[in-house]
Amino acid sequence: RLKALGAPVEFIKIHNTPDGTFPNGIPNPLLPECRDDTRKAVIEHGADMGIAFDGDFDRCFLFDEKGQFIEGYYIVGLLAEA
């Protein structure tokens, strides 16, 4: 949708097909061992940021352009400033 509106965005999707057997591990980016695939994708594709979701999509997690996980309290602070 954003691209159709002319926004200069590209989405690189990994592990985005629902599968209740969780073949790629527990979908919980709060666990450091569950962040590696997103981190690698950000670096490999030269992305500006990465976004990961938990198993039921009620929480999202952000990664910077270097693939570093951004703790939630920084995101809350950023949104509070906006």
PDB file of N, CA and C in Angstrom:
ATOM      1  N   ARG A   1       0.810  -1.201   0.000  1.00  0.00           N
ATOM      2  CA  ARG A   1       0.000   0.000   0.000  1.00  0.00           C
ATOM      3  C   ARG A   1       0.851   1.261   0.000  1.00  0.00           C
ATOM      4  N   LEU A   2       1.851   1.297   0.842  1.00  0.00           N
ATOM      5  CA  LEU A   2       2.697   2.488   0.885  1.00  0.00           C
ATOM      6  C   LEU A   2       3.381   2.734  -0.448  1.00  0.00           C
ATOM      7  N   LYS A   3       3.839   1.674  -1.070  1.00  0.00           N
ATOM      8  CA  LYS A   3       4.503   1.807  -2.365  1.00  0.00           C
ATOM      9  C   LYS A   3       3.536   2.355  -3.414  1.00  0.00           C
ATOM     10  N   ALA A   4       2.290   1.896  -3.378  1.00  0.00           N
ATOM     11  CA  ALA A   4       1.277   2.368  -4.323  1.00  0.00           C
ATOM     12  C   ALA A   4       1.011   3.860  -4.147  1.00  0.00           C
ATOM     13  N   LEU A   5       1.232   4.356  -2.947  1.00  0.00           N
ATOM     14  CA  LEU A   5       1.042   5.777  -2.673  1.00  0.00           C
ATOM     15  C   LEU A   5       2.276   6.603  -3.013  1.00  0.00           C
ATOM     16  N   GLY A   6       3.310   5.934  -3.515  1.00  0.00           N
ATOM     17  CA  GLY A   6       4.521   6.639  -3.909  1.00  0.00           C
ATOM     18  C   GLY A   6       5.592   6.702  -2.837  1.00  0.00           C
ATOM     19  N   ALA A   7       5.379   6.043  -1.723  1.00  0.00           N
ATOM     20  CA  ALA A   7       6.390   6.040  -0.659  1.00  0.00           C
ATOM     21  C   ALA A   7       7.573   5.181  -1.103  1.00  0.00           C
ATOM     22  N   PRO A   8       8.783   5.670  -0.883  1.00  0.00           N
ATOM     23  CA  PRO A   8       9.971   4.918  -1.312  1.00  0.00           C
ATOM     24  C   PRO A   8      10.332   3.811  -0.320  1.00  0.00           C
ATOM     25  N   VAL A   9       9.515   2.770  -0.287  1.00  0.00           N
ATOM     26  CA  VAL A   9       9.743   1.679   0.662  1.00  0.00           C
ATOM     27  C   VAL A   9       9.846   0.348  -0.072  1.00  0.00           C
ATOM     28  N   GLU A  10      10.563  -0.561   0.559  1.00  0.00           N
ATOM     29  CA  GLU A  10      10.647  -1.936   0.076  1.00  0.00           C
ATOM     30  C   GLU A  10      10.606  -2.828   1.306  1.00  0.00           C
ATOM     31  N   PHE A  11       9.782  -3.843   1.270  1.00  0.00           N
ATOM     32  CA  PHE A  11       9.669  -4.762   2.390  1.00  0.00           C
ATOM     33  C   PHE A  11      10.378  -6.066   2.052  1.00  0.00           C
ATOM     34  N   ILE A  12      11.270  -6.480   2.923  1.00  0.00           N
ATOM     35  CA  ILE A  12      11.943  -7.770   2.817  1.00  0.00           C
ATOM     36  C   ILE A  12      11.317  -8.637   3.897  1.00  0.00           C
ATOM     37  N   LYS A  13      10.581  -9.634   3.501  1.00  0.00           N
ATOM     38  CA  LYS A  13       9.852 -10.453   4.475  1.00  0.00           C
ATOM     39  C   LYS A  13      10.577 -11.771   4.708  1.00  0.00           C
ATOM     40  N   ILE A  14      10.707 -12.133   5.979  1.00  0.00           N
ATOM     41  CA  ILE A  14      11.261 -13.434   6.341  1.00  0.00           C
ATOM     42  C   ILE A  14      10.319 -14.080   7.345  1.00  0.00           C
ATOM     43  N   HIS A  15      10.188 -15.368   7.266  1.00  0.00           N
ATOM     44  CA  HIS A  15       9.343 -16.122   8.204  1.00  0.00           C
ATOM     45  C   HIS A  15       7.944 -15.511   8.328  1.00  0.00           C
ATOM     46  N   ASN A  16       7.348 -15.111   7.223  1.00  0.00           N
ATOM     47  CA  ASN A  16       6.051 -14.434   7.293  1.00  0.00           C
ATOM     48  C   ASN A  16       4.866 -15.325   6.924  1.00  0.00           C
ATOM     49  N   THR A  17       5.097 -16.615   6.740  1.00  0.00           N
ATOM     50  CA  THR A  17       4.004 -17.540   6.470  1.00  0.00           C
ATOM     51  C   THR A  17       3.595 -18.212   7.778  1.00  0.00           C
ATOM     52  N   PRO A  18       2.344 -18.029   8.199  1.00  0.00           N
ATOM     53  CA  PRO A  18       1.909 -18.625   9.466  1.00  0.00           C
ATOM     54  C   PRO A  18       2.080 -20.146   9.476  1.00  0.00           C
ATOM     55  N   ASP A  19       2.642 -20.655  10.544  1.00  0.00           N
ATOM     56  CA  ASP A  19       2.836 -22.093  10.712  1.00  0.00           C
ATOM     57  C   ASP A  19       2.886 -22.369  12.208  1.00  0.00           C
ATOM     58  N   GLY A  20       1.822 -22.940  12.725  1.00  0.00           N
ATOM     59  CA  GLY A  20       1.694 -23.195  14.159  1.00  0.00           C
ATOM     60  C   GLY A  20       2.714 -24.146  14.743  1.00  0.00           C
ATOM     61  N   THR A  21       3.522 -24.788  13.878  1.00  0.00           N
ATOM     62  CA  THR A  21       4.575 -25.667  14.401  1.00  0.00           C
ATOM     63  C   THR A  21       5.858 -24.886  14.694  1.00  0.00           C
ATOM     64  N   PHE A  22       5.881 -23.612  14.334  1.00  0.00           N
ATOM     65  CA  PHE A  22       7.017 -22.714  14.571  1.00  0.00           C
ATOM     66  C   PHE A  22       8.350 -23.324  14.119  1.00  0.00           C
ATOM     67  N   PRO A  23       8.471 -23.622  12.809  1.00  0.00           N
ATOM     68  CA  PRO A  23       9.695 -24.256  12.304  1.00  0.00           C
ATOM     69  C   PRO A  23      10.943 -23.386  12.436  1.00  0.00           C
ATOM     70  N   ASN A  24      10.763 -22.089  12.619  1.00  0.00           N
ATOM     71  CA  ASN A  24      11.908 -21.179  12.748  1.00  0.00           C
ATOM     72  C   ASN A  24      12.183 -20.800  14.193  1.00  0.00           C
ATOM     73  N   GLY A  25      11.580 -21.507  15.122  1.00  0.00           N
ATOM     74  CA  GLY A  25      11.782 -21.224  16.542  1.00  0.00           C
ATOM     75  C   GLY A  25      10.629 -20.442  17.136  1.00  0.00           C
ATOM     76  N   ILE A  26      10.719 -20.202  18.408  1.00  0.00           N
ATOM     77  CA  ILE A  26       9.685 -19.461  19.131  1.00  0.00           C
ATOM     78  C   ILE A  26       9.669 -18.021  18.622  1.00  0.00           C
ATOM     79  N   PRO A  27       8.514 -17.511  18.184  1.00  0.00           N
ATOM     80  CA  PRO A  27       8.459 -16.148  17.649  1.00  0.00           C
ATOM     81  C   PRO A  27       8.387 -15.108  18.769  1.00  0.00           C
ATOM     82  N   ASN A  28       9.483 -14.949  19.484  1.00  0.00           N
ATOM     83  CA  ASN A  28       9.529 -13.998  20.593  1.00  0.00           C
ATOM     84  C   ASN A  28      10.826 -13.201  20.520  1.00  0.00           C
ATOM     85  N   PRO A  29      10.796 -12.029  19.852  1.00  0.00           N
ATOM     86  CA  PRO A  29      12.007 -11.220  19.728  1.00  0.00           C
ATOM     87  C   PRO A  29      12.547 -10.675  21.051  1.00  0.00           C
ATOM     88  N   LEU A  30      11.823 -10.848  22.139  1.00  0.00           N
ATOM     89  CA  LEU A  30      12.392 -10.462  23.431  1.00  0.00           C
ATOM     90  C   LEU A  30      13.538 -11.397  23.817  1.00  0.00           C
ATOM     91  N   LEU A  31      13.524 -12.605  23.277  1.00  0.00           N
ATOM     92  CA  LEU A  31      14.603 -13.553  23.544  1.00  0.00           C
ATOM     93  C   LEU A  31      15.744 -13.277  22.562  1.00  0.00           C
ATOM     94  N   PRO A  32      16.922 -12.968  23.076  1.00  0.00           N
ATOM     95  CA  PRO A  32      18.039 -12.636  22.176  1.00  0.00           C
ATOM     96  C   PRO A  32      18.295 -13.687  21.095  1.00  0.00           C
ATOM     97  N   GLU A  33      18.109 -14.949  21.405  1.00  0.00           N
ATOM     98  CA  GLU A  33      18.375 -16.001  20.421  1.00  0.00           C
ATOM     99  C   GLU A  33      17.359 -16.005  19.277  1.00  0.00           C
ATOM    100  N   CYS A  34      16.273 -15.268  19.417  1.00  0.00           N
ATOM    101  CA  CYS A  34      15.237 -15.215  18.375  1.00  0.00           C
ATOM    102  C   CYS A  34      15.381 -13.993  17.470  1.00  0.00           C
ATOM    103  N   ARG A  35      16.413 -13.209  17.650  1.00  0.00           N
ATOM    104  CA  ARG A  35      16.590 -11.970  16.889  1.00  0.00           C
ATOM    105  C   ARG A  35      17.523 -12.109  15.697  1.00  0.00           C
ATOM    106  N   ASP A  36      18.261 -13.186  15.635  1.00  0.00           N
ATOM    107  CA  ASP A  36      19.356 -13.299  14.685  1.00  0.00           C
ATOM    108  C   ASP A  36      18.925 -13.218  13.227  1.00  0.00           C
ATOM    109  N   ASP A  37      17.832 -13.856  12.849  1.00  0.00           N
ATOM    110  CA  ASP A  37      17.408 -13.830  11.444  1.00  0.00           C
ATOM    111  C   ASP A  37      17.040 -12.419  11.000  1.00  0.00           C
ATOM    112  N   THR A  38      16.366 -11.668  11.865  1.00  0.00           N
ATOM    113  CA  THR A  38      16.018 -10.285  11.519  1.00  0.00           C
ATOM    114  C   THR A  38      17.278  -9.442  11.418  1.00  0.00           C
ATOM    115  N   ARG A  39      18.170  -9.602  12.376  1.00  0.00           N
ATOM    116  CA  ARG A  39      19.432  -8.860  12.367  1.00  0.00           C
ATOM    117  C   ARG A  39      20.193  -9.123  11.065  1.00  0.00           C
ATOM    118  N   LYS A  40      20.300 -10.378  10.687  1.00  0.00           N
ATOM    119  CA  LYS A  40      21.022 -10.746   9.464  1.00  0.00           C
ATOM    120  C   LYS A  40      20.355 -10.163   8.223  1.00  0.00           C
ATOM    121  N   ALA A  41      19.029 -10.185   8.178  1.00  0.00           N
ATOM    122  CA  ALA A  41      18.307  -9.652   7.015  1.00  0.00           C
ATOM    123  C   ALA A  41      18.530  -8.149   6.877  1.00  0.00           C
ATOM    124  N   VAL A  42      18.512  -7.433   7.990  1.00  0.00           N
ATOM    125  CA  VAL A  42      18.752  -5.982   7.954  1.00  0.00           C
ATOM    126  C   VAL A  42      20.132  -5.701   7.362  1.00  0.00           C
ATOM    127  N   ILE A  43      21.123  -6.413   7.844  1.00  0.00           N
ATOM    128  CA  ILE A  43      22.497  -6.203   7.378  1.00  0.00           C
ATOM    129  C   ILE A  43      22.653  -6.633   5.920  1.00  0.00           C
ATOM    130  N   GLU A  44      22.158  -7.816   5.585  1.00  0.00           N
ATOM    131  CA  GLU A  44      22.306  -8.354   4.228  1.00  0.00           C
ATOM    132  C   GLU A  44      21.674  -7.463   3.170  1.00  0.00           C
ATOM    133  N   HIS A  45      20.528  -6.882   3.483  1.00  0.00           N
ATOM    134  CA  HIS A  45      19.802  -6.071   2.504  1.00  0.00           C
ATOM    135  C   HIS A  45      20.079  -4.577   2.639  1.00  0.00           C
ATOM    136  N   GLY A  46      20.927  -4.187   3.590  1.00  0.00           N
ATOM    137  CA  GLY A  46      21.219  -2.764   3.778  1.00  0.00           C
ATOM    138  C   GLY A  46      19.974  -1.983   4.154  1.00  0.00           C
ATOM    139  N   ALA A  47      19.118  -2.597   4.944  1.00  0.00           N
ATOM    140  CA  ALA A  47      17.843  -1.968   5.317  1.00  0.00           C
ATOM    141  C   ALA A  47      18.062  -0.804   6.284  1.00  0.00           C
ATOM    142  N   ASP A  48      17.142   0.122   6.269  1.00  0.00           N
ATOM    143  CA  ASP A  48      17.175   1.237   7.213  1.00  0.00           C
ATOM    144  C   ASP A  48      16.722   0.815   8.597  1.00  0.00           C
ATOM    145  N   MET A  49      15.900  -0.219   8.641  1.00  0.00           N
ATOM    146  CA  MET A  49      15.405  -0.719   9.924  1.00  0.00           C
ATOM    147  C   MET A  49      14.823  -2.109   9.733  1.00  0.00           C
ATOM    148  N   GLY A  50      14.617  -2.797  10.843  1.00  0.00           N
ATOM    149  CA  GLY A  50      13.960  -4.094  10.816  1.00  0.00           C
ATOM    150  C   GLY A  50      12.801  -4.093  11.789  1.00  0.00           C
ATOM    151  N   ILE A  51      11.776  -4.835  11.467  1.00  0.00           N
ATOM    152  CA  ILE A  51      10.609  -4.969  12.341  1.00  0.00           C
ATOM    153  C   ILE A  51      10.325  -6.450  12.501  1.00  0.00           C
ATOM    154  N   ALA A  52      10.141  -6.875  13.741  1.00  0.00           N
ATOM    155  CA  ALA A  52       9.787  -8.268  14.023  1.00  0.00           C
ATOM    156  C   ALA A  52       8.546  -8.271  14.905  1.00  0.00           C
ATOM    157  N   PHE A  53       7.742  -9.297  14.762  1.00  0.00           N
ATOM    158  CA  PHE A  53       6.521  -9.429  15.553  1.00  0.00           C
ATOM    159  C   PHE A  53       6.578 -10.685  16.397  1.00  0.00           C
ATOM    160  N   ASP A  54       5.815 -10.681  17.475  1.00  0.00           N
ATOM    161  CA  ASP A  54       5.696 -11.897  18.278  1.00  0.00           C
ATOM    162  C   ASP A  54       4.681 -12.816  17.604  1.00  0.00           C
ATOM    163  N   GLY A  55       4.435 -13.964  18.200  1.00  0.00           N
ATOM    164  CA  GLY A  55       3.610 -14.999  17.583  1.00  0.00           C
ATOM    165  C   GLY A  55       2.182 -14.619  17.277  1.00  0.00           C
ATOM    166  N   ASP A  56       1.581 -13.737  18.064  1.00  0.00           N
ATOM    167  CA  ASP A  56       0.190 -13.359  17.787  1.00  0.00           C
ATOM    168  C   ASP A  56       0.062 -11.910  17.309  1.00  0.00           C
ATOM    169  N   PHE A  57       1.164 -11.317  16.936  1.00  0.00           N
ATOM    170  CA  PHE A  57       1.203  -9.985  16.326  1.00  0.00           C
ATOM    171  C   PHE A  57       0.640  -8.872  17.204  1.00  0.00           C
ATOM    172  N   ASP A  58       0.697  -9.040  18.519  1.00  0.00           N
ATOM    173  CA  ASP A  58       0.229  -7.942  19.363  1.00  0.00           C
ATOM    174  C   ASP A  58       1.385  -7.073  19.847  1.00  0.00           C
ATOM    175  N   ARG A  59       2.604  -7.433  19.483  1.00  0.00           N
ATOM    176  CA  ARG A  59       3.776  -6.625  19.823  1.00  0.00           C
ATOM    177  C   ARG A  59       4.727  -6.621  18.632  1.00  0.00           C
ATOM    178  N   CYS A  60       5.330  -5.463  18.381  1.00  0.00           N
ATOM    179  CA  CYS A  60       6.360  -5.406  17.350  1.00  0.00           C
ATOM    180  C   CYS A  60       7.658  -4.921  17.991  1.00  0.00           C
ATOM    181  N   PHE A  61       8.745  -5.278  17.352  1.00  0.00           N
ATOM    182  CA  PHE A  61      10.067  -4.986  17.874  1.00  0.00           C
ATOM    183  C   PHE A  61      10.890  -4.391  16.746  1.00  0.00           C
ATOM    184  N   LEU A  62      11.708  -3.408  17.062  1.00  0.00           N
ATOM    185  CA  LEU A  62      12.463  -2.703  16.039  1.00  0.00           C
ATOM    186  C   LEU A  62      13.959  -2.967  16.149  1.00  0.00           C
ATOM    187  N   PHE A  63      14.607  -2.901  14.983  1.00  0.00           N
ATOM    188  CA  PHE A  63      16.050  -3.059  14.868  1.00  0.00           C
ATOM    189  C   PHE A  63      16.572  -1.865  14.082  1.00  0.00           C
ATOM    190  N   ASP A  64      17.748  -1.368  14.442  1.00  0.00           N
ATOM    191  CA  ASP A  64      18.300  -0.240  13.702  1.00  0.00           C
ATOM    192  C   ASP A  64      18.976  -0.715  12.417  1.00  0.00           C
ATOM    193  N   GLU A  65      19.561   0.226  11.682  1.00  0.00           N
ATOM    194  CA  GLU A  65      20.167  -0.082  10.386  1.00  0.00           C
ATOM    195  C   GLU A  65      21.391  -0.989  10.489  1.00  0.00           C
ATOM    196  N   LYS A  66      21.903  -1.176  11.685  1.00  0.00           N
ATOM    197  CA  LYS A  66      23.037  -2.083  11.900  1.00  0.00           C
ATOM    198  C   LYS A  66      22.582  -3.448  12.402  1.00  0.00           C
ATOM    199  N   GLY A  67      21.262  -3.629  12.490  1.00  0.00           N
ATOM    200  CA  GLY A  67      20.714  -4.896  12.957  1.00  0.00           C
ATOM    201  C   GLY A  67      20.659  -5.020  14.469  1.00  0.00           C
ATOM    202  N   GLN A  68      20.898  -3.921  15.168  1.00  0.00           N
ATOM    203  CA  GLN A  68      20.868  -3.947  16.627  1.00  0.00           C
ATOM    204  C   GLN A  68      19.429  -3.816  17.122  1.00  0.00           C
ATOM    205  N   PHE A  69      19.060  -4.664  18.058  1.00  0.00           N
ATOM    206  CA  PHE A  69      17.734  -4.634  18.672  1.00  0.00           C
ATOM    207  C   PHE A  69      17.587  -3.335  19.455  1.00  0.00           C
ATOM    208  N   ILE A  70      16.449  -2.675  19.304  1.00  0.00           N
ATOM    209  CA  ILE A  70      16.173  -1.441  20.041  1.00  0.00           C
ATOM    210  C   ILE A  70      15.208  -1.786  21.166  1.00  0.00           C
ATOM    211  N   GLU A  71      15.638  -1.573  22.381  1.00  0.00           N
ATOM    212  CA  GLU A  71      14.800  -1.876  23.542  1.00  0.00           C
ATOM    213  C   GLU A  71      13.519  -1.041  23.506  1.00  0.00           C
ATOM    214  N   GLY A  72      12.435  -1.632  23.970  1.00  0.00           N
ATOM    215  CA  GLY A  72      11.120  -1.007  23.917  1.00  0.00           C
ATOM    216  C   GLY A  72      11.031   0.343  24.596  1.00  0.00           C
ATOM    217  N   TYR A  73      11.770   0.540  25.679  1.00  0.00           N
ATOM    218  CA  TYR A  73      11.673   1.821  26.385  1.00  0.00           C
ATOM    219  C   TYR A  73      12.223   2.964  25.542  1.00  0.00           C
ATOM    220  N   TYR A  74      13.140   2.690  24.619  1.00  0.00           N
ATOM    221  CA  TYR A  74      13.605   3.733  23.712  1.00  0.00           C
ATOM    222  C   TYR A  74      12.515   4.089  22.704  1.00  0.00           C
ATOM    223  N   ILE A  75      11.790   3.091  22.244  1.00  0.00           N
ATOM    224  CA  ILE A  75      10.708   3.329  21.288  1.00  0.00           C
ATOM    225  C   ILE A  75       9.610   4.162  21.934  1.00  0.00           C
ATOM    226  N   VAL A  76       9.250   3.814  23.161  1.00  0.00           N
ATOM    227  CA  VAL A  76       8.225   4.578  23.883  1.00  0.00           C
ATOM    228  C   VAL A  76       8.677   6.026  24.043  1.00  0.00           C
ATOM    229  N   GLY A  77       9.938   6.229  24.392  1.00  0.00           N
ATOM    230  CA  GLY A  77      10.468   7.588  24.530  1.00  0.00           C
ATOM    231  C   GLY A  77      10.419   8.348  23.223  1.00  0.00           C
ATOM    232  N   LEU A  78      10.770   7.682  22.136  1.00  0.00           N
ATOM    233  CA  LEU A  78      10.728   8.303  20.815  1.00  0.00           C
ATOM    234  C   LEU A  78       9.305   8.714  20.459  1.00  0.00           C
ATOM    235  N   LEU A  79       8.352   7.823  20.689  1.00  0.00           N
ATOM    236  CA  LEU A  79       6.953   8.135  20.384  1.00  0.00           C
ATOM    237  C   LEU A  79       6.422   9.249  21.278  1.00  0.00           C
ATOM    238  N   ALA A  80       6.865   9.285  22.515  1.00  0.00           N
ATOM    239  CA  ALA A  80       6.425  10.346  23.426  1.00  0.00           C
ATOM    240  C   ALA A  80       6.931  11.708  22.966  1.00  0.00           C
ATOM    241  N   GLU A  81       8.108  11.727  22.355  1.00  0.00           N
ATOM    242  CA  GLU A  81       8.683  12.976  21.853  1.00  0.00           C
ATOM    243  C   GLU A  81       7.983  13.470  20.591  1.00  0.00           C
ATOM    244  N   ALA A  82       7.402  12.557  19.833  1.00  0.00           N
ATOM    245  CA  ALA A  82       6.812  12.904  18.528  1.00  0.00           C
ATOM    246  C   ALA A  82       5.551  13.727  18.662  1.00  0.00           C
TER     247      ALA A  82
END
